[in-house]
Amino acid sequence: MVSAMTAPGTGALSIDAPATGSDAELIERSRDDPEAFGALFDRYSGMLYRYVSRRLGPEAAEDLVGETFLAAFSRRDRYDVAQGDARPWLFGIATKLVSRHHRTEGARYRALRRSPVEGPVEGPADRVANGVTATASRPALSAALARLPRRDLDVLLLVAWGDLTYEEVARALGVPVGTVRSRLNRARRKVRAALGDTNPMHEEE
């Protein structure tokens, strides 16, 4: 049952569904066979959990990832099957849900600012934290993130923690690629300035 989908992190059970085919094919199949949608959960719940956990913390992430997939399931009839990769769609849903918890996110960054030894959730998409040049700079990074406008923050973290390309971020947020670039450049400048002109992203402009 799709209602049984729960986020990873606590030994939760994922759906036993076929994992063959592209994301778009699975979504199209799920319109007649709802159980097929579970393969998307198996594919992407882990990376969504890492992304949301870094923004809101592990406990909130468990619930929000589940909400993300339930929302995606309810909207699957409107998915553009010309888009073979569903990651931008799922990250877009998750990011909108994260925005409802902006106070929690701000409080988390303030707490990290006071706790330089705080260990983040590890994962291949954790490029900002892994790229910080020294542990002592984490409080400054957290403070910088807390001060970013929501739109700039979403773009920065979808690239850094969601591991999305500019084009994928544009799809996720429903904005032009040029807007993604301008928001990302603005966010990077502010973060670098807060860190004394060091670049925690280790990314080319």
N, C-alpha and C. Protein backbone atom coordinates (compact mmCIF):
# COMPACT_ATOMS: atom_id res chain seq x y z
N MET A 1 0.84 -1.19 0.00
CA MET A 1 0.00 0.00 0.00
C MET A 1 0.88 1.24 0.00
N VAL A 2 0.49 2.24 -0.80
CA VAL A 2 1.26 3.47 -0.84
C VAL A 2 1.20 4.19 0.48
N SER A 3 0.11 4.07 1.20
CA SER A 3 0.00 4.75 2.49
C SER A 3 1.01 4.23 3.50
N ALA A 4 1.63 3.09 3.21
CA ALA A 4 2.61 2.51 4.13
C ALA A 4 4.00 3.08 3.94
N MET A 5 4.19 3.98 2.96
CA MET A 5 5.51 4.53 2.72
C MET A 5 5.96 5.36 3.89
N THR A 6 7.15 5.07 4.39
CA THR A 6 7.73 5.85 5.47
C THR A 6 9.18 6.13 5.13
N ALA A 7 9.72 7.16 5.74
CA ALA A 7 11.07 7.60 5.41
C ALA A 7 12.12 6.67 5.99
N PRO A 8 13.30 6.63 5.36
CA PRO A 8 14.39 5.81 5.89
C PRO A 8 14.97 6.43 7.14
N GLY A 9 15.72 5.64 7.87
CA GLY A 9 16.40 6.18 9.04
C GLY A 9 16.02 5.47 10.31
N THR A 10 14.88 4.75 10.29
CA THR A 10 14.45 4.07 11.51
C THR A 10 14.10 2.61 11.23
N GLY A 11 14.67 2.07 10.17
CA GLY A 11 14.37 0.69 9.83
C GLY A 11 12.98 0.53 9.26
N ALA A 12 12.44 1.62 8.70
CA ALA A 12 11.09 1.57 8.16
C ALA A 12 11.05 0.68 6.92
N LEU A 13 9.91 0.13 6.67
CA LEU A 13 9.72 -0.79 5.56
C LEU A 13 9.38 -0.01 4.30
N SER A 14 10.09 -0.29 3.22
CA SER A 14 9.73 0.31 1.94
C SER A 14 8.83 -0.66 1.19
N ILE A 15 8.29 -0.18 0.09
CA ILE A 15 7.33 -0.96 -0.66
C ILE A 15 8.04 -1.96 -1.56
N ASP A 16 7.52 -3.15 -1.62
CA ASP A 16 8.06 -4.15 -2.53
C ASP A 16 7.40 -3.96 -3.88
N ALA A 17 8.09 -3.23 -4.77
CA ALA A 17 7.53 -2.91 -6.06
C ALA A 17 8.59 -3.13 -7.13
N PRO A 18 8.17 -3.37 -8.38
CA PRO A 18 9.15 -3.57 -9.44
C PRO A 18 9.97 -2.32 -9.66
N ALA A 19 11.29 -2.48 -9.87
CA ALA A 19 12.17 -1.33 -9.99
C ALA A 19 12.66 -1.14 -11.41
N THR A 20 12.07 -1.84 -12.38
CA THR A 20 12.52 -1.72 -13.75
C THR A 20 11.82 -0.56 -14.44
N GLY A 21 12.49 0.00 -15.45
CA GLY A 21 11.89 1.09 -16.21
C GLY A 21 12.34 2.44 -15.71
N SER A 22 12.17 3.45 -16.55
CA SER A 22 12.50 4.82 -16.16
C SER A 22 11.49 5.31 -15.13
N ASP A 23 11.83 6.43 -14.51
CA ASP A 23 10.90 7.02 -13.55
C ASP A 23 9.56 7.33 -14.21
N ALA A 24 9.62 7.91 -15.40
CA ALA A 24 8.39 8.27 -16.10
C ALA A 24 7.55 7.04 -16.40
N GLU A 25 8.22 5.95 -16.79
CA GLU A 25 7.49 4.71 -17.07
C GLU A 25 6.83 4.17 -15.82
N LEU A 26 7.52 4.25 -14.69
CA LEU A 26 6.94 3.78 -13.44
C LEU A 26 5.73 4.63 -13.04
N ILE A 27 5.86 5.93 -13.20
CA ILE A 27 4.74 6.81 -12.85
C ILE A 27 3.55 6.54 -13.75
N GLU A 28 3.81 6.38 -15.04
CA GLU A 28 2.72 6.09 -15.97
C GLU A 28 2.07 4.75 -15.63
N ARG A 29 2.89 3.76 -15.31
CA ARG A 29 2.36 2.45 -14.93
C ARG A 29 1.54 2.53 -13.66
N SER A 30 1.96 3.39 -12.74
CA SER A 30 1.28 3.48 -11.44
C SER A 30 -0.12 4.06 -11.54
N ARG A 31 -0.43 4.69 -12.66
CA ARG A 31 -1.78 5.23 -12.83
C ARG A 31 -2.82 4.11 -12.90
N ASP A 32 -2.38 2.95 -13.39
CA ASP A 32 -3.26 1.77 -13.41
C ASP A 32 -2.89 0.77 -12.32
N ASP A 33 -1.62 0.77 -11.94
CA ASP A 33 -1.12 -0.15 -10.92
C ASP A 33 -0.43 0.66 -9.83
N PRO A 34 -1.17 1.15 -8.83
CA PRO A 34 -0.59 2.04 -7.82
C PRO A 34 0.66 1.50 -7.14
N GLU A 35 0.76 0.18 -7.01
CA GLU A 35 1.92 -0.39 -6.33
C GLU A 35 3.23 -0.09 -7.06
N ALA A 36 3.16 0.16 -8.36
CA ALA A 36 4.38 0.45 -9.12
C ALA A 36 5.06 1.71 -8.64
N PHE A 37 4.30 2.60 -8.02
CA PHE A 37 4.88 3.86 -7.55
C PHE A 37 5.90 3.64 -6.44
N GLY A 38 5.78 2.52 -5.75
CA GLY A 38 6.69 2.23 -4.66
C GLY A 38 8.14 2.14 -5.08
N ALA A 39 8.40 1.82 -6.36
CA ALA A 39 9.78 1.75 -6.83
C ALA A 39 10.46 3.11 -6.76
N LEU A 40 9.69 4.18 -6.95
CA LEU A 40 10.27 5.52 -6.83
C LEU A 40 10.71 5.79 -5.40
N PHE A 41 9.92 5.33 -4.46
CA PHE A 41 10.30 5.46 -3.05
C PHE A 41 11.61 4.74 -2.78
N ASP A 42 11.72 3.52 -3.29
CA ASP A 42 12.94 2.75 -3.08
C ASP A 42 14.15 3.44 -3.73
N ARG A 43 13.93 4.07 -4.86
CA ARG A 43 15.03 4.72 -5.57
C ARG A 43 15.49 6.01 -4.90
N TYR A 44 14.56 6.80 -4.42
CA TYR A 44 14.89 8.18 -4.08
C TYR A 44 14.64 8.60 -2.64
N SER A 45 14.06 7.74 -1.83
CA SER A 45 13.78 8.16 -0.45
C SER A 45 15.06 8.46 0.31
N GLY A 46 16.12 7.70 0.04
CA GLY A 46 17.38 7.92 0.76
C GLY A 46 17.98 9.28 0.48
N MET A 47 18.05 9.66 -0.79
CA MET A 47 18.65 10.95 -1.12
C MET A 47 17.76 12.11 -0.66
N LEU A 48 16.45 11.94 -0.72
CA LEU A 48 15.56 12.98 -0.21
C LEU A 48 15.70 13.11 1.30
N TYR A 49 15.84 11.98 1.97
CA TYR A 49 16.02 12.02 3.43
C TYR A 49 17.29 12.78 3.80
N ARG A 50 18.39 12.52 3.10
CA ARG A 50 19.63 13.23 3.40
C ARG A 50 19.48 14.73 3.19
N TYR A 51 18.84 15.10 2.11
CA TYR A 51 18.63 16.52 1.80
C TYR A 51 17.79 17.20 2.87
N VAL A 52 16.65 16.61 3.19
CA VAL A 52 15.74 17.23 4.16
C VAL A 52 16.34 17.18 5.56
N SER A 53 17.04 16.11 5.89
CA SER A 53 17.62 15.99 7.22
C SER A 53 18.65 17.08 7.48
N ARG A 54 19.42 17.42 6.48
CA ARG A 54 20.39 18.49 6.65
C ARG A 54 19.70 19.83 6.85
N ARG A 55 18.52 19.99 6.28
CA ARG A 55 17.81 21.26 6.41
C ARG A 55 16.97 21.34 7.68
N LEU A 56 16.35 20.25 8.08
CA LEU A 56 15.41 20.29 9.20
C LEU A 56 15.78 19.38 10.36
N GLY A 57 16.72 18.46 10.16
CA GLY A 57 17.05 17.50 11.20
C GLY A 57 16.40 16.16 10.91
N PRO A 58 16.95 15.08 11.47
CA PRO A 58 16.48 13.73 11.16
C PRO A 58 15.02 13.46 11.49
N GLU A 59 14.56 13.94 12.64
CA GLU A 59 13.18 13.61 13.04
C GLU A 59 12.17 14.22 12.09
N ALA A 60 12.34 15.50 11.77
CA ALA A 60 11.42 16.15 10.85
C ALA A 60 11.53 15.55 9.46
N ALA A 61 12.72 15.12 9.08
CA ALA A 61 12.93 14.57 7.74
C ALA A 61 12.14 13.30 7.53
N GLU A 62 12.05 12.47 8.54
CA GLU A 62 11.31 11.21 8.40
C GLU A 62 9.87 11.46 7.98
N ASP A 63 9.23 12.41 8.66
CA ASP A 63 7.84 12.71 8.33
C ASP A 63 7.72 13.41 6.97
N LEU A 64 8.64 14.34 6.71
CA LEU A 64 8.50 15.14 5.50
C LEU A 64 8.76 14.33 4.24
N VAL A 65 9.68 13.38 4.30
CA VAL A 65 9.91 12.54 3.12
C VAL A 65 8.67 11.70 2.83
N GLY A 66 8.05 11.19 3.88
CA GLY A 66 6.80 10.46 3.68
C GLY A 66 5.73 11.34 3.05
N GLU A 67 5.62 12.58 3.53
CA GLU A 67 4.66 13.53 2.96
C GLU A 67 4.98 13.81 1.49
N THR A 68 6.26 13.89 1.18
CA THR A 68 6.67 14.16 -0.20
C THR A 68 6.17 13.08 -1.14
N PHE A 69 6.34 11.83 -0.77
CA PHE A 69 5.92 10.75 -1.65
C PHE A 69 4.40 10.62 -1.70
N LEU A 70 3.73 10.89 -0.60
CA LEU A 70 2.27 10.86 -0.64
C LEU A 70 1.74 11.96 -1.54
N ALA A 71 2.35 13.16 -1.46
CA ALA A 71 1.94 14.26 -2.34
C ALA A 71 2.23 13.92 -3.80
N ALA A 72 3.40 13.34 -4.05
CA ALA A 72 3.75 12.96 -5.41
C ALA A 72 2.78 11.91 -5.95
N PHE A 73 2.43 10.95 -5.12
CA PHE A 73 1.49 9.91 -5.54
C PHE A 73 0.15 10.51 -5.92
N SER A 74 -0.31 11.47 -5.14
CA SER A 74 -1.62 12.08 -5.41
C SER A 74 -1.59 12.93 -6.68
N ARG A 75 -0.39 13.34 -7.11
CA ARG A 75 -0.26 14.20 -8.30
C ARG A 75 0.28 13.44 -9.51
N ARG A 76 0.38 12.13 -9.42
CA ARG A 76 1.05 11.38 -10.47
C ARG A 76 0.34 11.48 -11.81
N ASP A 77 -0.98 11.70 -11.80
CA ASP A 77 -1.71 11.83 -13.06
C ASP A 77 -1.31 13.09 -13.82
N ARG A 78 -0.74 14.07 -13.11
CA ARG A 78 -0.34 15.33 -13.76
C ARG A 78 1.14 15.35 -14.12
N TYR A 79 1.85 14.29 -13.84
CA TYR A 79 3.29 14.27 -14.15
C TYR A 79 3.51 14.22 -15.65
N ASP A 80 4.46 15.02 -16.13
CA ASP A 80 4.81 15.05 -17.55
C ASP A 80 5.74 13.87 -17.85
N VAL A 81 5.20 12.84 -18.47
CA VAL A 81 5.98 11.62 -18.70
C VAL A 81 7.05 11.82 -19.76
N ALA A 82 7.09 12.99 -20.39
CA ALA A 82 8.20 13.29 -21.29
C ALA A 82 9.49 13.51 -20.50
N GLN A 83 9.36 13.75 -19.20
CA GLN A 83 10.51 13.92 -18.31
C GLN A 83 10.84 12.57 -17.69
N GLY A 84 11.89 11.93 -18.18
CA GLY A 84 12.20 10.58 -17.72
C GLY A 84 12.68 10.50 -16.28
N ASP A 85 13.31 11.56 -15.80
CA ASP A 85 13.89 11.58 -14.45
C ASP A 85 12.96 12.33 -13.51
N ALA A 86 12.47 11.67 -12.48
CA ALA A 86 11.52 12.29 -11.54
C ALA A 86 12.20 12.99 -10.37
N ARG A 87 13.52 12.94 -10.29
CA ARG A 87 14.19 13.57 -9.14
C ARG A 87 13.86 15.05 -8.99
N PRO A 88 13.95 15.86 -10.06
CA PRO A 88 13.62 17.28 -9.88
C PRO A 88 12.20 17.49 -9.37
N TRP A 89 11.27 16.71 -9.87
CA TRP A 89 9.87 16.80 -9.42
C TRP A 89 9.77 16.49 -7.93
N LEU A 90 10.41 15.42 -7.50
CA LEU A 90 10.34 15.03 -6.09
C LEU A 90 11.05 16.04 -5.20
N PHE A 91 12.22 16.51 -5.63
CA PHE A 91 12.93 17.51 -4.83
C PHE A 91 12.15 18.82 -4.78
N GLY A 92 11.46 19.15 -5.85
CA GLY A 92 10.63 20.35 -5.82
C GLY A 92 9.51 20.25 -4.80
N ILE A 93 8.85 19.10 -4.75
CA ILE A 93 7.80 18.89 -3.76
C ILE A 93 8.38 18.97 -2.35
N ALA A 94 9.50 18.30 -2.14
CA ALA A 94 10.12 18.31 -0.81
C ALA A 94 10.52 19.72 -0.40
N THR A 95 11.06 20.49 -1.33
CA THR A 95 11.51 21.85 -1.01
C THR A 95 10.33 22.73 -0.63
N LYS A 96 9.21 22.58 -1.32
CA LYS A 96 8.02 23.35 -0.95
C LYS A 96 7.53 22.97 0.44
N LEU A 97 7.61 21.69 0.77
CA LEU A 97 7.21 21.26 2.11
C LEU A 97 8.19 21.78 3.16
N VAL A 98 9.47 21.81 2.84
CA VAL A 98 10.46 22.36 3.76
C VAL A 98 10.15 23.82 4.07
N SER A 99 9.68 24.56 3.07
CA SER A 99 9.41 25.99 3.27
C SER A 99 8.35 26.24 4.33
N ARG A 100 7.51 25.25 4.59
CA ARG A 100 6.50 25.39 5.65
C ARG A 100 7.13 25.31 7.04
N HIS A 101 8.36 24.87 7.08
CA HIS A 101 9.05 24.69 8.35
C HIS A 101 10.23 25.65 8.46
N HIS A 102 10.08 26.87 7.92
CA HIS A 102 11.21 27.79 7.87
C HIS A 102 11.72 28.15 9.26
N ARG A 103 10.83 28.20 10.25
CA ARG A 103 11.29 28.51 11.61
C ARG A 103 12.16 27.38 12.15
N THR A 104 11.75 26.14 11.87
CA THR A 104 12.55 24.99 12.31
C THR A 104 13.92 25.00 11.64
N GLU A 105 13.93 25.31 10.35
CA GLU A 105 15.20 25.34 9.63
C GLU A 105 16.11 26.43 10.16
N GLY A 106 15.55 27.62 10.39
CA GLY A 106 16.36 28.70 10.93
C GLY A 106 16.92 28.37 12.29
N ALA A 107 16.09 27.74 13.13
CA ALA A 107 16.55 27.36 14.46
C ALA A 107 17.66 26.31 14.37
N ARG A 108 17.56 25.42 13.40
CA ARG A 108 18.60 24.39 13.23
C ARG A 108 19.92 25.04 12.87
N TYR A 109 19.92 25.99 11.94
CA TYR A 109 21.16 26.65 11.56
C TYR A 109 21.75 27.43 12.72
N ARG A 110 20.88 28.06 13.51
CA ARG A 110 21.39 28.80 14.67
C ARG A 110 22.02 27.85 15.68
N ALA A 111 21.41 26.67 15.85
CA ALA A 111 21.97 25.68 16.77
C ALA A 111 23.32 25.17 16.26
N LEU A 112 23.41 24.93 14.96
CA LEU A 112 24.67 24.47 14.38
C LEU A 112 25.75 25.53 14.52
N ARG A 113 25.34 26.79 14.44
CA ARG A 113 26.30 27.88 14.59
C ARG A 113 26.93 27.86 15.97
N ARG A 114 26.16 27.42 16.97
CA ARG A 114 26.67 27.38 18.34
C ARG A 114 27.38 26.06 18.65
N SER A 115 27.28 25.09 17.72
CA SER A 115 27.82 23.75 17.99
C SER A 115 28.72 23.30 16.84
N PRO A 116 29.97 23.75 16.81
CA PRO A 116 30.85 23.44 15.69
C PRO A 116 31.17 21.97 15.53
N VAL A 117 30.98 21.16 16.56
CA VAL A 117 31.31 19.74 16.43
C VAL A 117 30.11 18.91 16.02
N GLU A 118 28.99 19.55 15.72
CA GLU A 118 27.78 18.83 15.33
C GLU A 118 28.07 18.03 14.06
N GLY A 119 27.73 16.75 14.07
CA GLY A 119 27.98 15.92 12.91
C GLY A 119 26.77 15.84 12.01
N PRO A 120 26.89 16.22 10.73
CA PRO A 120 25.77 16.18 9.82
C PRO A 120 25.46 14.76 9.37
N VAL A 121 24.29 14.57 8.79
CA VAL A 121 23.96 13.29 8.19
C VAL A 121 24.87 13.10 6.99
N GLU A 122 25.53 11.95 6.92
CA GLU A 122 26.48 11.72 5.84
C GLU A 122 25.77 11.21 4.61
N GLY A 123 26.30 11.54 3.46
CA GLY A 123 25.75 11.07 2.21
C GLY A 123 26.49 11.68 1.04
N PRO A 124 26.37 11.10 -0.14
CA PRO A 124 27.13 11.58 -1.29
C PRO A 124 26.75 12.97 -1.73
N ALA A 125 25.58 13.46 -1.32
CA ALA A 125 25.16 14.79 -1.74
C ALA A 125 25.58 15.87 -0.77
N ASP A 126 26.30 15.51 0.29
CA ASP A 126 26.63 16.48 1.35
C ASP A 126 27.86 17.30 0.97
N ARG A 127 27.82 17.98 -0.15
CA ARG A 127 29.03 18.61 -0.66
C ARG A 127 29.36 19.91 0.04
N VAL A 128 28.37 20.64 0.53
CA VAL A 128 28.69 21.89 1.22
C VAL A 128 29.45 21.59 2.50
N ALA A 129 28.90 20.71 3.35
CA ALA A 129 29.56 20.41 4.62
C ALA A 129 30.93 19.78 4.38
N ASN A 130 31.00 18.87 3.42
CA ASN A 130 32.27 18.22 3.15
C ASN A 130 33.30 19.19 2.57
N GLY A 131 32.81 20.25 1.93
CA GLY A 131 33.71 21.18 1.31
C GLY A 131 34.19 22.28 2.22
N VAL A 132 33.61 22.43 3.39
CA VAL A 132 34.06 23.47 4.31
C VAL A 132 35.50 23.18 4.68
N THR A 133 36.34 24.19 4.62
CA THR A 133 37.78 23.97 4.73
C THR A 133 38.23 23.58 6.12
N ALA A 134 37.45 23.87 7.16
CA ALA A 134 37.81 23.49 8.52
C ALA A 134 36.55 23.37 9.34
N THR A 135 36.59 22.49 10.34
CA THR A 135 35.42 22.31 11.19
C THR A 135 35.00 23.62 11.84
N ALA A 136 35.96 24.45 12.17
CA ALA A 136 35.66 25.71 12.86
C ALA A 136 34.83 26.65 12.01
N SER A 137 34.80 26.46 10.70
CA SER A 137 34.03 27.36 9.85
C SER A 137 32.57 26.96 9.75
N ARG A 138 32.18 25.79 10.28
CA ARG A 138 30.78 25.39 10.19
C ARG A 138 29.83 26.37 10.86
N PRO A 139 30.15 26.90 12.03
CA PRO A 139 29.23 27.89 12.61
C PRO A 139 29.02 29.09 11.69
N ALA A 140 30.09 29.56 11.05
CA ALA A 140 29.95 30.69 10.14
C ALA A 140 29.10 30.32 8.93
N LEU A 141 29.27 29.09 8.43
CA LEU A 141 28.45 28.63 7.31
C LEU A 141 26.99 28.57 7.71
N SER A 142 26.70 28.01 8.88
CA SER A 142 25.32 27.92 9.34
C SER A 142 24.70 29.29 9.50
N ALA A 143 25.48 30.24 10.03
CA ALA A 143 24.98 31.60 10.19
C ALA A 143 24.68 32.22 8.83
N ALA A 144 25.55 31.97 7.86
CA ALA A 144 25.34 32.51 6.52
C ALA A 144 24.09 31.93 5.88
N LEU A 145 23.89 30.62 6.03
CA LEU A 145 22.69 29.99 5.47
C LEU A 145 21.43 30.55 6.11
N ALA A 146 21.48 30.79 7.42
CA ALA A 146 20.31 31.31 8.13
C ALA A 146 19.91 32.69 7.64
N ARG A 147 20.86 33.44 7.09
CA ARG A 147 20.57 34.80 6.65
C ARG A 147 20.16 34.89 5.18
N LEU A 148 20.31 33.81 4.43
CA LEU A 148 19.98 33.87 3.01
C LEU A 148 18.47 33.98 2.80
N PRO A 149 18.04 34.75 1.80
CA PRO A 149 16.62 34.74 1.42
C PRO A 149 16.20 33.34 1.02
N ARG A 150 14.96 33.01 1.29
CA ARG A 150 14.46 31.65 1.04
C ARG A 150 14.72 31.21 -0.40
N ARG A 151 14.45 32.05 -1.38
CA ARG A 151 14.60 31.63 -2.78
C ARG A 151 16.05 31.30 -3.11
N ASP A 152 16.97 32.11 -2.59
CA ASP A 152 18.39 31.85 -2.84
C ASP A 152 18.85 30.60 -2.11
N LEU A 153 18.37 30.42 -0.89
CA LEU A 153 18.75 29.25 -0.09
C LEU A 153 18.30 27.97 -0.76
N ASP A 154 17.06 27.95 -1.26
CA ASP A 154 16.56 26.74 -1.91
C ASP A 154 17.43 26.34 -3.10
N VAL A 155 17.80 27.31 -3.92
CA VAL A 155 18.63 27.01 -5.08
C VAL A 155 20.00 26.49 -4.64
N LEU A 156 20.62 27.18 -3.70
CA LEU A 156 21.95 26.77 -3.23
C LEU A 156 21.94 25.34 -2.70
N LEU A 157 20.94 25.00 -1.89
CA LEU A 157 20.94 23.69 -1.25
C LEU A 157 20.46 22.59 -2.18
N LEU A 158 19.63 22.91 -3.17
CA LEU A 158 19.27 21.90 -4.16
C LEU A 158 20.49 21.50 -4.99
N VAL A 159 21.36 22.46 -5.26
CA VAL A 159 22.60 22.15 -5.98
C VAL A 159 23.58 21.41 -5.07
N ALA A 160 23.77 21.94 -3.86
CA ALA A 160 24.82 21.42 -2.98
C ALA A 160 24.42 20.15 -2.26
N TRP A 161 23.21 20.10 -1.74
CA TRP A 161 22.78 18.95 -0.94
C TRP A 161 21.85 18.03 -1.71
N GLY A 162 21.16 18.55 -2.72
CA GLY A 162 20.30 17.71 -3.55
C GLY A 162 21.04 17.14 -4.74
N ASP A 163 22.23 17.69 -5.04
CA ASP A 163 23.07 17.21 -6.14
C ASP A 163 22.36 17.34 -7.49
N LEU A 164 21.56 18.41 -7.64
CA LEU A 164 20.86 18.65 -8.90
C LEU A 164 21.67 19.59 -9.78
N THR A 165 21.51 19.45 -11.09
CA THR A 165 22.09 20.39 -12.03
C THR A 165 21.26 21.67 -12.06
N TYR A 166 21.78 22.70 -12.71
CA TYR A 166 21.01 23.94 -12.82
C TYR A 166 19.68 23.69 -13.52
N GLU A 167 19.71 22.90 -14.58
CA GLU A 167 18.48 22.61 -15.32
C GLU A 167 17.49 21.84 -14.45
N GLU A 168 17.99 20.93 -13.64
CA GLU A 168 17.10 20.16 -12.75
C GLU A 168 16.52 21.04 -11.65
N VAL A 169 17.32 21.97 -11.14
CA VAL A 169 16.79 22.91 -10.14
C VAL A 169 15.71 23.77 -10.76
N ALA A 170 15.92 24.20 -12.00
CA ALA A 170 14.90 24.99 -12.69
C ALA A 170 13.59 24.22 -12.80
N ARG A 171 13.68 22.94 -13.12
CA ARG A 171 12.47 22.10 -13.17
C ARG A 171 11.84 21.96 -11.80
N ALA A 172 12.67 21.75 -10.80
CA ALA A 172 12.16 21.54 -9.44
C ALA A 172 11.38 22.74 -8.94
N LEU A 173 11.88 23.93 -9.24
CA LEU A 173 11.28 25.15 -8.70
C LEU A 173 10.35 25.85 -9.68
N GLY A 174 10.35 25.39 -10.93
CA GLY A 174 9.48 26.01 -11.92
C GLY A 174 9.93 27.41 -12.31
N VAL A 175 11.24 27.61 -12.42
CA VAL A 175 11.80 28.92 -12.79
C VAL A 175 12.78 28.72 -13.94
N PRO A 176 13.11 29.79 -14.68
CA PRO A 176 14.09 29.66 -15.76
C PRO A 176 15.49 29.33 -15.24
N VAL A 177 16.30 28.71 -16.09
CA VAL A 177 17.66 28.38 -15.71
C VAL A 177 18.44 29.64 -15.37
N GLY A 178 18.20 30.72 -16.10
CA GLY A 178 18.89 31.97 -15.80
C GLY A 178 18.61 32.47 -14.40
N THR A 179 17.39 32.27 -13.93
CA THR A 179 17.04 32.65 -12.56
C THR A 179 17.79 31.79 -11.56
N VAL A 180 17.91 30.51 -11.86
CA VAL A 180 18.69 29.62 -10.99
C VAL A 180 20.13 30.11 -10.88
N ARG A 181 20.73 30.45 -12.00
CA ARG A 181 22.12 30.90 -12.00
C ARG A 181 22.29 32.18 -11.19
N SER A 182 21.38 33.13 -11.37
CA SER A 182 21.52 34.40 -10.66
C SER A 182 21.33 34.22 -9.16
N ARG A 183 20.36 33.40 -8.76
CA ARG A 183 20.15 33.15 -7.34
C ARG A 183 21.33 32.40 -6.73
N LEU A 184 21.86 31.44 -7.47
CA LEU A 184 22.98 30.66 -6.95
C LEU A 184 24.23 31.53 -6.81
N ASN A 185 24.50 32.35 -7.81
CA ASN A 185 25.67 33.22 -7.72
C ASN A 185 25.55 34.19 -6.55
N ARG A 186 24.35 34.73 -6.35
CA ARG A 186 24.13 35.65 -5.23
C ARG A 186 24.34 34.94 -3.90
N ALA A 187 23.80 33.73 -3.79
CA ALA A 187 23.94 32.97 -2.54
C ALA A 187 25.41 32.63 -2.28
N ARG A 188 26.12 32.22 -3.31
CA ARG A 188 27.53 31.87 -3.14
C ARG A 188 28.35 33.08 -2.69
N ARG A 189 28.06 34.23 -3.28
CA ARG A 189 28.80 35.44 -2.88
C ARG A 189 28.60 35.74 -1.40
N LYS A 190 27.35 35.62 -0.95
CA LYS A 190 27.06 35.92 0.45
C LYS A 190 27.71 34.91 1.39
N VAL A 191 27.69 33.64 1.00
CA VAL A 191 28.30 32.61 1.84
C VAL A 191 29.82 32.80 1.88
N ARG A 192 30.41 33.06 0.73
CA ARG A 192 31.86 33.28 0.71
C ARG A 192 32.26 34.47 1.56
N ALA A 193 31.48 35.54 1.46
CA ALA A 193 31.79 36.74 2.25
C ALA A 193 31.73 36.42 3.74
N ALA A 194 30.75 35.61 4.13
CA ALA A 194 30.61 35.26 5.55
C ALA A 194 31.75 34.38 6.02
N LEU A 195 32.36 33.64 5.09
CA LEU A 195 33.45 32.72 5.44
C LEU A 195 34.82 33.31 5.11
N GLY A 196 34.88 34.62 4.94
CA GLY A 196 36.17 35.24 4.66
C GLY A 196 36.68 34.95 3.28
N ASP A 197 35.74 34.92 2.30
CA ASP A 197 36.07 34.71 0.89
C ASP A 197 36.58 33.30 0.58
N THR A 198 36.35 32.34 1.47
CA THR A 198 36.61 30.95 1.12
C THR A 198 35.34 30.38 0.51
N ASN A 199 35.50 29.39 -0.34
CA ASN A 199 34.36 28.81 -1.05
C ASN A 199 34.06 27.42 -0.52
N PRO A 200 32.99 27.25 0.28
CA PRO A 200 32.68 25.93 0.83
C PRO A 200 32.14 24.97 -0.20
N MET A 201 31.81 25.48 -1.37
CA MET A 201 31.20 24.65 -2.40
C MET A 201 32.26 23.94 -3.24
N HIS A 202 33.45 24.53 -3.34
CA HIS A 202 34.48 24.02 -4.25
C HIS A 202 33.89 23.82 -5.64
N GLU A 203 33.13 24.82 -6.09
CA GLU A 203 32.46 24.75 -7.39
C GLU A 203 32.96 25.89 -8.26
N GLU A 204 32.94 25.68 -9.54
CA GLU A 204 33.26 26.76 -10.47
C GLU A 204 32.05 27.65 -10.61
N GLU A 205 32.28 28.94 -10.79
CA GLU A 205 31.18 29.87 -11.02
C GLU A 205 30.60 29.63 -12.40
